[in-house]
Amino acid sequence: MLLRLFHRQALKKLQNHMRYLGSEMAPVSLFSSKACDDQKKSIVEALILSGDDWSVRGIIISGG
């Protein structure tokens, strides 16, 4: 019960910050030493799947 309450409160707190934790900030995480290569690969895959045109932001995503 306590863990469920904690999860709800944590989720609510994160939702309050979504206005600046959106996709615009996702590429910044690629420069973090705290993110492992697998996490960075997942981030890039999510960026590709988002369908956004990242080239207008100076980000070129190429396969390989």
PDB file of N, CA and C in Angstrom:
ATOM      1  N   MET A   1       0.825  -1.194   0.000  1.00  0.00           N
ATOM      2  CA  MET A   1       0.000   0.000   0.000  1.00  0.00           C
ATOM      3  C   MET A   1       0.867   1.255   0.000  1.00  0.00           C
ATOM      4  N   LEU A   2       1.877   1.277   0.857  1.00  0.00           N
ATOM      5  CA  LEU A   2       2.748   2.440   0.949  1.00  0.00           C
ATOM      6  C   LEU A   2       3.525   2.638  -0.352  1.00  0.00           C
ATOM      7  N   LEU A   3       3.978   1.550  -0.942  1.00  0.00           N
ATOM      8  CA  LEU A   3       4.718   1.634  -2.203  1.00  0.00           C
ATOM      9  C   LEU A   3       3.825   2.184  -3.315  1.00  0.00           C
ATOM     10  N   ARG A   4       2.585   1.775  -3.356  1.00  0.00           N
ATOM     11  CA  ARG A   4       1.633   2.257  -4.370  1.00  0.00           C
ATOM     12  C   ARG A   4       1.421   3.767  -4.208  1.00  0.00           C
ATOM     13  N   LEU A   5       1.297   4.220  -2.978  1.00  0.00           N
ATOM     14  CA  LEU A   5       1.136   5.647  -2.705  1.00  0.00           C
ATOM     15  C   LEU A   5       2.369   6.421  -3.164  1.00  0.00           C
ATOM     16  N   PHE A   6       3.536   5.871  -2.875  1.00  0.00           N
ATOM     17  CA  PHE A   6       4.787   6.502  -3.298  1.00  0.00           C
ATOM     18  C   PHE A   6       4.844   6.617  -4.817  1.00  0.00           C
ATOM     19  N   HIS A   7       4.463   5.541  -5.514  1.00  0.00           N
ATOM     20  CA  HIS A   7       4.485   5.551  -6.981  1.00  0.00           C
ATOM     21  C   HIS A   7       3.557   6.623  -7.519  1.00  0.00           C
ATOM     22  N   ARG A   8       2.365   6.745  -6.946  1.00  0.00           N
ATOM     23  CA  ARG A   8       1.415   7.768  -7.408  1.00  0.00           C
ATOM     24  C   ARG A   8       1.968   9.170  -7.198  1.00  0.00           C
ATOM     25  N   GLN A   9       2.576   9.390  -6.045  1.00  0.00           N
ATOM     26  CA  GLN A   9       3.128  10.710  -5.745  1.00  0.00           C
ATOM     27  C   GLN A   9       4.309  11.034  -6.658  1.00  0.00           C
ATOM     28  N   ALA A  10       5.149  10.047  -6.925  1.00  0.00           N
ATOM     29  CA  ALA A  10       6.293  10.247  -7.814  1.00  0.00           C
ATOM     30  C   ALA A  10       5.823  10.551  -9.232  1.00  0.00           C
ATOM     31  N   LEU A  11       4.818   9.819  -9.697  1.00  0.00           N
ATOM     32  CA  LEU A  11       4.277  10.045 -11.031  1.00  0.00           C
ATOM     33  C   LEU A  11       3.676  11.439 -11.140  1.00  0.00           C
ATOM     34  N   LYS A  12       2.948  11.850 -10.128  1.00  0.00           N
ATOM     35  CA  LYS A  12       2.345  13.192 -10.124  1.00  0.00           C
ATOM     36  C   LYS A  12       3.430  14.268 -10.174  1.00  0.00           C
ATOM     37  N   LYS A  13       4.493  14.072  -9.425  1.00  0.00           N
ATOM     38  CA  LYS A  13       5.595  15.035  -9.407  1.00  0.00           C
ATOM     39  C   LYS A  13       6.245  15.136 -10.790  1.00  0.00           C
ATOM     40  N   LEU A  14       6.464  13.996 -11.431  1.00  0.00           N
ATOM     41  CA  LEU A  14       7.042  14.008 -12.776  1.00  0.00           C
ATOM     42  C   LEU A  14       6.105  14.685 -13.776  1.00  0.00           C
ATOM     43  N   GLN A  15       4.811  14.431 -13.661  1.00  0.00           N
ATOM     44  CA  GLN A  15       3.852  15.046 -14.569  1.00  0.00           C
ATOM     45  C   GLN A  15       3.855  16.563 -14.426  1.00  0.00           C
ATOM     46  N   ASN A  16       4.136  17.060 -13.240  1.00  0.00           N
ATOM     47  CA  ASN A  16       4.210  18.503 -13.026  1.00  0.00           C
ATOM     48  C   ASN A  16       5.385  19.132 -13.756  1.00  0.00           C
ATOM     49  N   HIS A  17       6.383  18.335 -14.094  1.00  0.00           N
ATOM     50  CA  HIS A  17       7.582  18.848 -14.746  1.00  0.00           C
ATOM     51  C   HIS A  17       7.619  18.570 -16.245  1.00  0.00           C
ATOM     52  N   MET A  18       6.587  17.982 -16.796  1.00  0.00           N
ATOM     53  CA  MET A  18       6.600  17.582 -18.201  1.00  0.00           C
ATOM     54  C   MET A  18       6.717  18.757 -19.163  1.00  0.00           C
ATOM     55  N   ARG A  19       6.363  19.959 -18.730  1.00  0.00           N
ATOM     56  CA  ARG A  19       6.426  21.099 -19.646  1.00  0.00           C
ATOM     57  C   ARG A  19       7.862  21.365 -20.104  1.00  0.00           C
ATOM     58  N   TYR A  20       8.843  21.031 -19.303  1.00  0.00           N
ATOM     59  CA  TYR A  20      10.218  21.246 -19.733  1.00  0.00           C
ATOM     60  C   TYR A  20      11.029  19.954 -19.811  1.00  0.00           C
ATOM     61  N   LEU A  21      10.390  18.819 -19.595  1.00  0.00           N
ATOM     62  CA  LEU A  21      11.063  17.533 -19.746  1.00  0.00           C
ATOM     63  C   LEU A  21      10.590  16.812 -21.003  1.00  0.00           C
ATOM     64  N   GLY A  22      10.153  17.567 -21.984  1.00  0.00           N
ATOM     65  CA  GLY A  22       9.618  16.988 -23.203  1.00  0.00           C
ATOM     66  C   GLY A  22      10.699  16.562 -24.181  1.00  0.00           C
ATOM     67  N   SER A  23      10.285  16.316 -25.388  1.00  0.00           N
ATOM     68  CA  SER A  23      11.194  15.789 -26.405  1.00  0.00           C
ATOM     69  C   SER A  23      12.304  16.769 -26.767  1.00  0.00           C
ATOM     70  N   GLU A  24      12.094  18.051 -26.539  1.00  0.00           N
ATOM     71  CA  GLU A  24      13.138  19.032 -26.850  1.00  0.00           C
ATOM     72  C   GLU A  24      14.393  18.795 -26.008  1.00  0.00           C
ATOM     73  N   MET A  25      14.229  18.258 -24.809  1.00  0.00           N
ATOM     74  CA  MET A  25      15.361  18.051 -23.911  1.00  0.00           C
ATOM     75  C   MET A  25      15.966  16.648 -24.029  1.00  0.00           C
ATOM     76  N   ALA A  26      15.300  15.748 -24.731  1.00  0.00           N
ATOM     77  CA  ALA A  26      15.781  14.367 -24.835  1.00  0.00           C
ATOM     78  C   ALA A  26      17.202  14.262 -25.406  1.00  0.00           C
ATOM     79  N   PRO A  27      17.542  15.016 -26.458  1.00  0.00           N
ATOM     80  CA  PRO A  27      18.909  14.880 -26.995  1.00  0.00           C
ATOM     81  C   PRO A  27      20.001  15.274 -26.004  1.00  0.00           C
ATOM     82  N   VAL A  28      19.695  16.123 -25.049  1.00  0.00           N
ATOM     83  CA  VAL A  28      20.692  16.536 -24.055  1.00  0.00           C
ATOM     84  C   VAL A  28      21.185  15.330 -23.257  1.00  0.00           C
ATOM     85  N   SER A  29      20.300  14.371 -23.030  1.00  0.00           N
ATOM     86  CA  SER A  29      20.671  13.197 -22.248  1.00  0.00           C
ATOM     87  C   SER A  29      21.724  12.338 -22.950  1.00  0.00           C
ATOM     88  N   LEU A  30      21.890  12.524 -24.250  1.00  0.00           N
ATOM     89  CA  LEU A  30      22.895  11.758 -24.988  1.00  0.00           C
ATOM     90  C   LEU A  30      24.319  12.140 -24.593  1.00  0.00           C
ATOM     91  N   PHE A  31      24.477  13.292 -23.958  1.00  0.00           N
ATOM     92  CA  PHE A  31      25.798  13.756 -23.544  1.00  0.00           C
ATOM     93  C   PHE A  31      26.103  13.417 -22.086  1.00  0.00           C
ATOM     94  N   SER A  32      25.166  12.760 -21.417  1.00  0.00           N
ATOM     95  CA  SER A  32      25.334  12.438 -20.002  1.00  0.00           C
ATOM     96  C   SER A  32      26.222  11.208 -19.816  1.00  0.00           C
ATOM     97  N   SER A  33      27.145  11.313 -18.883  1.00  0.00           N
ATOM     98  CA  SER A  33      27.969  10.152 -18.548  1.00  0.00           C
ATOM     99  C   SER A  33      27.197   9.174 -17.664  1.00  0.00           C
ATOM    100  N   LYS A  34      26.039   9.597 -17.177  1.00  0.00           N
ATOM    101  CA  LYS A  34      25.217   8.730 -16.320  1.00  0.00           C
ATOM    102  C   LYS A  34      24.330   7.786 -17.127  1.00  0.00           C
ATOM    103  N   ALA A  35      24.184   8.059 -18.420  1.00  0.00           N
ATOM    104  CA  ALA A  35      23.387   7.192 -19.283  1.00  0.00           C
ATOM    105  C   ALA A  35      24.315   6.210 -19.984  1.00  0.00           C
ATOM    106  N   CYS A  36      23.985   4.933 -19.895  1.00  0.00           N
ATOM    107  CA  CYS A  36      24.812   3.922 -20.562  1.00  0.00           C
ATOM    108  C   CYS A  36      24.494   3.899 -22.060  1.00  0.00           C
ATOM    109  N   ASP A  37      25.308   3.204 -22.815  1.00  0.00           N
ATOM    110  CA  ASP A  37      25.134   3.157 -24.265  1.00  0.00           C
ATOM    111  C   ASP A  37      23.781   2.592 -24.672  1.00  0.00           C
ATOM    112  N   ASP A  38      23.294   1.576 -23.951  1.00  0.00           N
ATOM    113  CA  ASP A  38      21.985   0.996 -24.276  1.00  0.00           C
ATOM    114  C   ASP A  38      20.871   2.019 -24.073  1.00  0.00           C
ATOM    115  N   GLN A  39      20.974   2.816 -23.020  1.00  0.00           N
ATOM    116  CA  GLN A  39      19.965   3.849 -22.769  1.00  0.00           C
ATOM    117  C   GLN A  39      20.018   4.914 -23.867  1.00  0.00           C
ATOM    118  N   LYS A  40      21.221   5.299 -24.257  1.00  0.00           N
ATOM    119  CA  LYS A  40      21.366   6.296 -25.313  1.00  0.00           C
ATOM    120  C   LYS A  40      20.818   5.774 -26.636  1.00  0.00           C
ATOM    121  N   LYS A  41      21.047   4.494 -26.900  1.00  0.00           N
ATOM    122  CA  LYS A  41      20.509   3.891 -28.123  1.00  0.00           C
ATOM    123  C   LYS A  41      18.978   3.922 -28.094  1.00  0.00           C
ATOM    124  N   SER A  42      18.397   3.636 -26.946  1.00  0.00           N
ATOM    125  CA  SER A  42      16.937   3.674 -26.812  1.00  0.00           C
ATOM    126  C   SER A  42      16.398   5.087 -27.017  1.00  0.00           C
ATOM    127  N   ILE A  43      17.134   6.071 -26.533  1.00  0.00           N
ATOM    128  CA  ILE A  43      16.721   7.466 -26.709  1.00  0.00           C
ATOM    129  C   ILE A  43      16.729   7.832 -28.188  1.00  0.00           C
ATOM    130  N   VAL A  44      17.796   7.461 -28.892  1.00  0.00           N
ATOM    131  CA  VAL A  44      17.889   7.752 -30.327  1.00  0.00           C
ATOM    132  C   VAL A  44      16.766   7.047 -31.077  1.00  0.00           C
ATOM    133  N   GLU A  45      16.489   5.798 -30.738  1.00  0.00           N
ATOM    134  CA  GLU A  45      15.398   5.068 -31.386  1.00  0.00           C
ATOM    135  C   GLU A  45      14.066   5.766 -31.156  1.00  0.00           C
ATOM    136  N   ALA A  46      13.849   6.268 -29.939  1.00  0.00           N
ATOM    137  CA  ALA A  46      12.608   6.985 -29.635  1.00  0.00           C
ATOM    138  C   ALA A  46      12.529   8.292 -30.415  1.00  0.00           C
ATOM    139  N   LEU A  47      13.667   8.971 -30.579  1.00  0.00           N
ATOM    140  CA  LEU A  47      13.683  10.207 -31.370  1.00  0.00           C
ATOM    141  C   LEU A  47      13.300   9.919 -32.818  1.00  0.00           C
ATOM    142  N   ILE A  48      13.831   8.834 -33.351  1.00  0.00           N
ATOM    143  CA  ILE A  48      13.512   8.453 -34.724  1.00  0.00           C
ATOM    144  C   ILE A  48      12.024   8.121 -34.847  1.00  0.00           C
ATOM    145  N   LEU A  49      11.515   7.345 -33.905  1.00  0.00           N
ATOM    146  CA  LEU A  49      10.108   6.942 -33.952  1.00  0.00           C
ATOM    147  C   LEU A  49       9.151   8.104 -33.730  1.00  0.00           C
ATOM    148  N   SER A  50       9.625   9.188 -33.118  1.00  0.00           N
ATOM    149  CA  SER A  50       8.743  10.327 -32.843  1.00  0.00           C
ATOM    150  C   SER A  50       8.278  10.988 -34.135  1.00  0.00           C
ATOM    151  N   GLY A  51       9.061  10.823 -35.205  1.00  0.00           N
ATOM    152  CA  GLY A  51       8.675  11.415 -36.476  1.00  0.00           C
ATOM    153  C   GLY A  51       8.987  12.897 -36.587  1.00  0.00           C
ATOM    154  N   ASP A  52       9.560  13.487 -35.542  1.00  0.00           N
ATOM    155  CA  ASP A  52       9.918  14.902 -35.584  1.00  0.00           C
ATOM    156  C   ASP A  52      11.079  15.129 -36.529  1.00  0.00           C
ATOM    157  N   ASP A  53      11.161  16.319 -37.095  1.00  0.00           N
ATOM    158  CA  ASP A  53      12.280  16.690 -37.960  1.00  0.00           C
ATOM    159  C   ASP A  53      13.367  17.294 -37.085  1.00  0.00           C
ATOM    160  N   TRP A  54      14.309  16.466 -36.670  1.00  0.00           N
ATOM    161  CA  TRP A  54      15.367  16.911 -35.771  1.00  0.00           C
ATOM    162  C   TRP A  54      16.430  17.717 -36.498  1.00  0.00           C
ATOM    163  N   SER A  55      16.460  17.658 -37.826  1.00  0.00           N
ATOM    164  CA  SER A  55      17.479  18.395 -38.576  1.00  0.00           C
ATOM    165  C   SER A  55      17.312  19.902 -38.403  1.00  0.00           C
ATOM    166  N   VAL A  56      16.093  20.369 -38.170  1.00  0.00           N
ATOM    167  CA  VAL A  56      15.889  21.811 -37.956  1.00  0.00           C
ATOM    168  C   VAL A  56      16.504  22.259 -36.636  1.00  0.00           C
ATOM    169  N   ARG A  57      16.826  21.305 -35.779  1.00  0.00           N
ATOM    170  CA  ARG A  57      17.470  21.614 -34.508  1.00  0.00           C
ATOM    171  C   ARG A  57      18.970  21.345 -34.580  1.00  0.00           C
ATOM    172  N   GLY A  58      19.466  21.029 -35.774  1.00  0.00           N
ATOM    173  CA  GLY A  58      20.884  20.769 -35.948  1.00  0.00           C
ATOM    174  C   GLY A  58      21.276  19.356 -35.576  1.00  0.00           C
ATOM    175  N   ILE A  59      20.293  18.459 -35.443  1.00  0.00           N
ATOM    176  CA  ILE A  59      20.564  17.077 -35.072  1.00  0.00           C
ATOM    177  C   ILE A  59      20.307  16.190 -36.284  1.00  0.00           C
ATOM    178  N   ILE A  60      21.338  15.516 -36.728  1.00  0.00           N
ATOM    179  CA  ILE A  60      21.219  14.616 -37.867  1.00  0.00           C
ATOM    180  C   ILE A  60      21.302  13.186 -37.349  1.00  0.00           C
ATOM    181  N   ILE A  61      20.252  12.412 -37.589  1.00  0.00           N
ATOM    182  CA  ILE A  61      20.221  11.020 -37.137  1.00  0.00           C
ATOM    183  C   ILE A  61      20.364  10.145 -38.369  1.00  0.00           C
ATOM    184  N   SER A  62      21.425   9.358 -38.381  1.00  0.00           N
ATOM    185  CA  SER A  62      21.638   8.464 -39.523  1.00  0.00           C
ATOM    186  C   SER A  62      21.719   7.027 -39.028  1.00  0.00           C
ATOM    187  N   GLY A  63      21.305   6.120 -39.843  1.00  0.00           N
ATOM    188  CA  GLY A  63      21.365   4.697 -39.499  1.00  0.00           C
ATOM    189  C   GLY A  63      22.796   4.206 -39.525  1.00  0.00           C
ATOM    190  N   GLY A  64      23.006   3.103 -38.807  1.00  0.00           N
ATOM    191  CA  GLY A  64      24.356   2.570 -38.885  1.00  0.00           C
ATOM    192  C   GLY A  64      24.802   1.894 -37.736  1.00  0.00           C
TER     193      GLY A  64
END
